[in-house]
Protein backbone atom coordinates (compact mmCIF):
# COMPACT_ATOMS: atom_id res chain seq x y z
CA MET A 1 -29.40 17.70 7.88
CA ASN A 2 -29.54 14.21 8.89
CA TYR A 3 -25.97 14.11 10.07
CA LYS A 4 -24.52 10.37 9.85
CA LYS A 5 -22.11 10.74 12.95
CA GLN A 6 -20.59 13.36 15.25
CA ASP A 7 -17.37 12.06 16.37
CA TYR A 8 -14.26 11.10 14.69
CA MET A 9 -10.97 9.55 15.24
CA SER A 10 -8.11 11.87 14.98
CA LEU A 11 -4.61 10.85 14.27
CA SER A 12 -3.89 11.84 18.10
CA MET A 13 -6.27 9.38 19.33
CA TRP A 14 -5.14 6.90 16.82
CA PHE A 15 -1.62 7.14 18.33
CA LYS A 16 -2.88 6.79 21.84
CA LYS A 17 -4.73 3.73 20.88
CA ASN A 18 -1.97 2.03 19.04
CA TYR A 19 1.02 3.35 20.81
CA ASN A 20 -0.12 4.38 24.23
CA GLY A 21 1.27 8.06 24.07
CA ARG A 22 1.78 11.09 22.11
CA VAL A 23 3.66 10.67 18.71
CA LYS A 24 4.83 13.65 16.83
CA LYS A 25 5.51 13.93 12.82
CA ILE A 26 8.55 15.76 11.74
CA ALA A 27 8.73 16.96 8.29
CA LEU A 28 11.71 16.13 6.11
CA SER A 29 12.78 17.34 2.52
CA GLY A 30 14.62 14.75 0.68
CA GLY A 31 16.09 17.07 -2.33
CA PHE A 32 13.04 15.97 -4.33
CA THR A 33 11.56 17.75 -7.38
CA CYS A 34 8.45 16.82 -9.04
CA PRO A 35 7.17 16.34 -12.89
CA ASN A 36 4.93 19.25 -12.43
CA ARG A 37 8.14 21.58 -11.95
CA ASP A 38 10.95 19.87 -13.82
CA GLY A 39 9.48 20.19 -17.39
CA THR A 40 8.12 16.70 -17.35
CA LEU A 41 4.51 17.67 -17.18
CA ASP A 42 4.93 21.38 -16.26
CA ASN A 43 7.50 23.77 -15.10
CA ARG A 44 5.14 25.94 -12.79
CA GLY A 45 3.76 23.21 -10.30
CA CYS A 46 0.54 23.05 -8.77
CA ILE A 47 -1.39 26.33 -8.94
CA PHE A 48 -1.46 26.59 -5.27
CA CYS A 49 2.05 25.00 -4.27
CA SER A 50 4.49 27.23 -2.49
CA GLU A 51 8.36 27.30 -3.70
CA GLY A 52 8.99 24.75 -0.72
CA GLY A 53 6.59 22.08 -2.16
CA SER A 54 4.35 22.12 0.42
CA GLY A 55 7.11 21.40 2.75
CA ASP A 56 8.10 24.93 3.99
CA PHE A 57 8.91 23.76 7.64
CA ALA A 58 10.44 20.24 6.26
CA LEU A 59 14.17 19.51 7.77
CA SER A 60 16.78 18.94 4.81
CA VAL A 61 18.10 15.26 4.41
CA ASN A 62 20.05 13.03 2.23
CA PRO A 63 21.72 9.88 2.50
CA ASP A 64 24.89 10.99 3.55
CA ASP A 65 23.61 13.25 6.46
CA PHE A 66 20.75 12.47 8.31
CA SER A 67 21.84 14.53 11.42
CA SER A 68 18.58 16.79 11.35
CA LEU A 69 16.44 14.24 11.83
CA ARG A 70 18.41 12.76 14.84
CA GLU A 71 18.89 16.27 16.24
CA GLU A 72 15.26 17.15 15.97
CA ILE A 73 14.31 13.78 17.72
CA MET A 74 16.75 15.02 20.64
CA ARG A 75 15.50 18.37 20.82
CA LEU A 76 11.85 17.02 21.03
CA ASP A 77 12.64 14.40 23.48
CA LYS A 78 14.47 17.06 25.73
CA GLU A 79 11.61 19.47 25.37
CA ALA A 80 9.04 16.59 26.46
CA ARG A 81 11.17 15.89 29.64
CA GLU A 82 11.49 19.43 30.38
CA ASN A 83 7.74 19.58 30.26
CA ASN A 84 7.32 16.34 32.45
CA THR A 85 5.93 14.76 29.74
CA GLU A 86 7.05 11.91 26.98
CA ASN A 87 6.59 11.13 23.50
CA ALA A 88 6.02 7.59 22.58
CA GLY A 89 7.90 8.21 19.34
CA TYR A 90 7.89 9.78 15.95
CA VAL A 91 6.68 9.46 12.09
CA ALA A 92 9.46 10.59 9.64
CA TYR A 93 7.28 12.53 7.13
CA PHE A 94 8.98 12.61 3.62
CA GLN A 95 6.63 16.02 2.72
CA ALA A 96 8.45 18.29 0.71
CA PHE A 97 7.53 18.03 -3.26
CA THR A 98 7.12 14.47 -4.93
CA ASN A 99 9.13 11.97 -2.69
CA THR A 100 8.99 9.05 -4.77
CA TYR A 101 10.16 10.95 -7.78
CA GLY A 102 13.85 9.70 -7.94
CA LYS A 103 15.97 6.72 -8.67
CA THR A 104 14.78 3.64 -6.41
CA GLU A 105 18.47 3.48 -4.81
CA TYR A 106 18.16 6.88 -3.87
CA LEU A 107 14.59 6.28 -2.24
CA ARG A 108 15.76 3.03 -0.92
CA SER A 109 18.57 5.18 1.01
CA LEU A 110 16.22 7.45 2.43
CA TYR A 111 13.36 5.11 3.55
CA GLU A 112 16.20 2.83 5.14
CA LEU A 113 17.81 5.48 7.23
CA ALA A 114 14.66 6.47 8.52
CA LEU A 115 13.21 3.51 9.55
CA SER A 116 16.43 2.60 11.06
CA GLU A 117 15.94 5.24 13.45
CA GLU A 118 15.29 3.54 16.87
CA ARG A 119 12.97 6.38 18.00
CA VAL A 120 11.02 6.45 14.41
CA LEU A 121 8.00 4.13 14.58
CA GLY A 122 7.37 4.71 10.83
CA ILE A 123 7.58 6.90 7.82
CA SER A 124 4.86 8.82 5.76
CA ILE A 125 5.61 9.52 2.15
CA GLY A 126 4.01 12.31 0.44
CA THR A 127 3.53 11.63 -3.33
CA ARG A 128 1.93 11.76 -6.89
CA PRO A 129 -0.28 8.80 -8.09
CA ASP A 130 1.48 9.15 -11.15
CA CYS A 131 4.83 8.50 -9.42
CA LEU A 132 4.01 4.93 -7.93
CA GLY A 133 5.56 2.82 -10.82
CA ASP A 134 6.40 -0.69 -10.37
CA GLU A 135 9.76 -0.27 -8.97
CA VAL A 136 8.79 1.97 -6.34
CA ILE A 137 5.72 -0.25 -5.31
CA GLU A 138 8.31 -3.25 -5.34
CA LEU A 139 10.46 -1.27 -2.82
CA ILE A 140 7.95 -0.46 -0.62
CA SER A 141 6.58 -3.75 -0.52
CA GLU A 142 9.80 -5.07 0.31
CA LEU A 143 10.56 -2.18 3.20
CA LYS A 144 7.24 -3.09 4.70
CA LYS A 145 8.23 -6.61 5.11
CA ARG A 146 11.76 -5.75 6.15
CA PHE A 147 10.66 -3.48 8.69
CA SER A 148 7.60 -5.32 10.10
CA ASP A 149 7.56 -3.64 13.44
CA LYS A 150 7.22 -0.13 12.04
CA PHE A 151 4.71 1.26 9.52
CA ILE A 152 4.96 3.16 6.34
CA TRP A 153 2.32 5.33 4.98
CA ILE A 154 1.60 6.80 1.38
CA GLU A 155 -0.09 10.36 1.51
CA LEU A 156 -1.59 11.10 -2.00
CA GLY A 157 -2.83 14.49 -3.38
CA LEU A 158 -6.33 14.14 -4.66
CA GLN A 159 -7.46 17.62 -3.81
CA THR A 160 -10.55 17.53 -5.87
CA ILE A 161 -12.50 14.84 -8.29
CA HIS A 162 -14.03 17.70 -10.21
CA GLU A 163 -12.69 18.17 -13.89
CA GLU A 164 -13.00 21.75 -14.01
CA SER A 165 -10.82 22.16 -10.69
CA VAL A 166 -8.53 19.72 -11.74
CA ARG A 167 -7.63 21.86 -14.76
CA TYR A 168 -7.20 24.88 -12.85
CA ILE A 169 -5.03 23.64 -10.05
CA ARG A 170 -2.69 21.98 -12.72
CA ARG A 171 -2.79 18.66 -11.45
CA HIS A 172 -1.97 16.96 -14.66
CA TYR A 173 -3.30 13.23 -13.87
CA GLY A 174 -6.72 12.18 -14.30
CA GLN A 175 -8.89 10.09 -11.82
CA GLU A 176 -8.09 6.86 -13.31
CA ALA A 177 -4.08 7.49 -12.44
CA PHE A 178 -5.45 8.26 -8.59
CA ASP A 179 -7.62 4.85 -8.77
CA ALA A 180 -4.67 3.08 -10.09
CA ALA A 181 -2.33 4.11 -7.41
CA VAL A 182 -4.90 3.04 -4.64
CA ARG A 183 -5.24 -0.42 -6.46
CA LYS A 184 -1.51 -0.85 -6.30
CA LEU A 185 -1.34 0.19 -3.00
CA LYS A 186 -3.86 -1.91 -1.37
CA GLU A 187 -2.73 -4.75 -3.22
CA ILE A 188 0.59 -4.50 -0.94
CA GLU A 189 -1.36 -3.49 1.87
CA VAL A 190 0.04 -0.04 2.47
CA PRO A 191 -2.08 2.52 4.11
CA ILE A 192 -3.11 5.23 1.96
CA VAL A 193 -3.66 8.95 3.47
CA VAL A 194 -5.49 11.19 1.00
CA HIS A 195 -5.37 15.00 0.59
CA VAL A 196 -8.45 17.07 0.05
CA ILE A 197 -8.48 20.58 -0.26
CA LEU A 198 -11.64 22.45 0.71
CA GLY A 199 -12.87 25.84 -0.76
CA LEU A 200 -11.09 25.55 -4.16
CA PRO A 201 -12.39 28.34 -6.29
CA GLY A 202 -15.70 27.58 -8.27
CA GLU A 203 -16.61 24.74 -6.10
CA THR A 204 -19.98 24.76 -4.21
CA ARG A 205 -19.94 22.95 -0.45
CA GLN A 206 -21.84 20.00 -2.62
CA MET A 207 -19.13 19.64 -4.81
CA MET A 208 -16.66 19.53 -1.74
CA LEU A 209 -18.77 17.08 -0.44
CA GLN A 210 -18.98 14.79 -3.54
CA THR A 211 -14.90 14.44 -3.26
CA VAL A 212 -15.50 13.62 0.44
CA ASP A 213 -17.86 10.85 -0.71
CA TYR A 214 -15.42 9.42 -3.17
CA VAL A 215 -12.77 9.52 -0.73
CA ASN A 216 -15.19 7.59 1.78
CA ARG A 217 -16.01 4.77 -0.80
CA PHE A 218 -12.72 3.35 -0.96
CA LYS A 219 -11.98 3.75 2.67
CA PRO A 220 -8.41 4.87 2.98
CA PHE A 221 -6.58 4.71 6.30
CA GLY A 222 -6.55 8.31 6.72
CA VAL A 223 -7.62 11.56 5.20
CA LYS A 224 -6.07 15.33 5.42
CA LEU A 225 -8.84 17.69 5.12
CA GLN A 226 -7.19 21.00 3.99
CA LEU A 227 -8.45 24.80 3.90
CA LEU A 228 -7.33 26.60 0.70
CA HIS A 229 -4.45 28.64 1.37
CA VAL A 230 -3.40 31.62 -0.89
CA LEU A 231 0.32 31.79 -0.60
CA TYR A 232 2.87 34.48 -1.80
CA GLY A 233 4.98 33.02 -4.76
CA THR A 234 2.09 31.18 -6.31
CA ASP A 235 0.19 31.61 -9.38
CA MET A 236 -2.92 31.45 -7.24
CA ALA A 237 -1.88 34.49 -5.63
CA GLU A 238 -1.99 36.43 -8.78
CA ASP A 239 -5.39 35.42 -9.49
CA TYR A 240 -6.50 36.23 -5.99
CA ARG A 241 -4.97 39.57 -6.58
CA LYS A 242 -6.99 40.18 -9.60
CA GLY A 243 -10.27 39.43 -7.73
CA MET A 244 -10.97 36.00 -9.65
CA PHE A 245 -11.99 34.50 -6.05
CA ASP A 246 -12.66 34.69 -2.73
CA THR A 247 -11.23 32.29 0.04
CA MET A 248 -13.67 30.92 2.83
CA THR A 249 -14.66 32.92 5.88
CA MET A 250 -13.88 30.88 9.06
CA GLU A 251 -17.45 30.29 9.44
CA GLU A 252 -18.19 29.02 6.04
CA TYR A 253 -14.98 26.86 6.69
CA VAL A 254 -16.19 25.51 10.08
CA GLU A 255 -19.57 24.72 8.72
CA THR A 256 -18.14 22.74 5.65
CA VAL A 257 -15.47 20.81 7.29
CA CYS A 258 -18.06 19.61 9.93
CA ASP A 259 -20.11 18.33 7.12
CA ALA A 260 -17.15 16.54 5.81
CA VAL A 261 -16.46 14.95 9.00
CA GLU A 262 -20.01 13.45 9.29
CA HIS A 263 -19.68 12.02 5.68
CA LEU A 264 -16.63 10.07 6.68
CA ASP A 265 -16.86 6.68 8.14
CA TYR A 266 -15.52 6.65 11.82
CA ASP A 267 -12.59 4.27 10.69
CA ILE A 268 -11.12 6.85 8.39
CA VAL A 269 -8.59 8.39 10.55
CA ILE A 270 -8.81 12.08 10.26
CA HIS A 271 -5.18 13.52 10.25
CA ARG A 272 -5.87 17.25 9.74
CA LEU A 273 -8.96 19.54 10.04
CA THR A 274 -7.37 22.84 8.74
CA GLY A 275 -3.91 23.92 7.59
CA ASP A 276 -1.13 25.72 9.03
CA GLY A 277 0.56 27.02 6.17
CA ASP A 278 3.78 29.21 6.88
CA LYS A 279 2.68 32.58 8.01
CA GLU A 280 5.32 34.75 6.58
CA ILE A 281 4.00 33.81 3.17
CA LEU A 282 0.11 33.49 3.86
CA ILE A 283 -1.88 36.05 1.92
CA SER A 284 -5.33 34.64 2.69
CA PRO A 285 -7.31 33.83 4.70
CA GLU A 286 -5.56 35.73 7.60
CA TRP A 287 -7.63 33.80 10.15
CA SER A 288 -6.39 30.47 9.23
CA GLY A 289 -3.13 31.56 10.82
CA HIS A 290 -4.67 30.92 14.32
CA LYS A 291 -4.86 27.17 14.32
CA MET A 292 -5.96 26.49 17.73
CA THR A 293 -8.71 29.01 17.30
CA VAL A 294 -9.72 27.23 14.30
CA LEU A 295 -9.74 23.84 15.85
CA ASN A 296 -11.57 24.97 18.99
CA ALA A 297 -14.48 26.50 16.63
CA ILE A 298 -14.67 23.23 14.70
CA ASN A 299 -14.92 20.93 17.92
CA HIS A 300 -17.56 23.48 19.36
CA GLU A 301 -19.42 23.12 16.12
CA LEU A 302 -19.36 19.12 16.32
CA ALA A 303 -20.44 19.29 19.78
CA LEU A 304 -23.29 21.42 19.16
CA ARG A 305 -24.31 19.18 16.37
CA LYS A 306 -23.97 16.09 18.61
CA LYS A 307 -26.11 18.28 21.31
CA VAL A 308 -29.12 18.81 18.64
CA LYS A 309 -28.97 15.31 17.41
């Protein structure tokens, strides 16, 4: 195979380059739901999504009580000092469920409180592309100008471009909705982080790389390459139990994610190379629970390919 590149810009490298140190994300749950869960589009959620709305490790916050974020910042700063290190700052990551799916004033309160925290360098907002109406876009644009010394990122769940997979995972929005969201965010110059799932049932490696190539074409700020997890409490777990599909082996995943890395432009920051689902609800693949082992295997494979090249 003719590999286009062997190196990548990781999020930690990007932080060191731009903030001269280590920056940590703090996952937050702002009390949101999702149109895929509240009956607007469906009441079951995406087929792979856990009961925590992909925010199983998130701290609860609301406009009347942001203490959990402040306490976590203090804890992490203390931990860093005890280890003779220092964190340059933090990202407040609104992760659980759909974090633009609410009344505009509620969103404003949450985002303002997070951006006002001295040790918070910026916020990252996980959402669906069909939940970025004009009022939300106007709010984000306004906050971007008011808090010009900080950043705002929007994380969009693409997962796949293949229609059969889209129907299976119950995404409930078409490619045109995703493309429209990208255009809106680019117009107000807000960086986009795209989520892609590798290993969806029925998808070949070629299909997965076609999704990666699509992402590459519109050049977002960043991408998260996520291994498919099967988690307790999801409808996908029932399909897995019935033997309808297999999850990837570590060897298969390492090969696939390295191919994906080599398809992406270097300027696209890779925020994630694998996943770290809650081990208490992880069904498969069990090997994914050993995150450092997986990351070491990926970096080892990339290094080998570089030598061959």
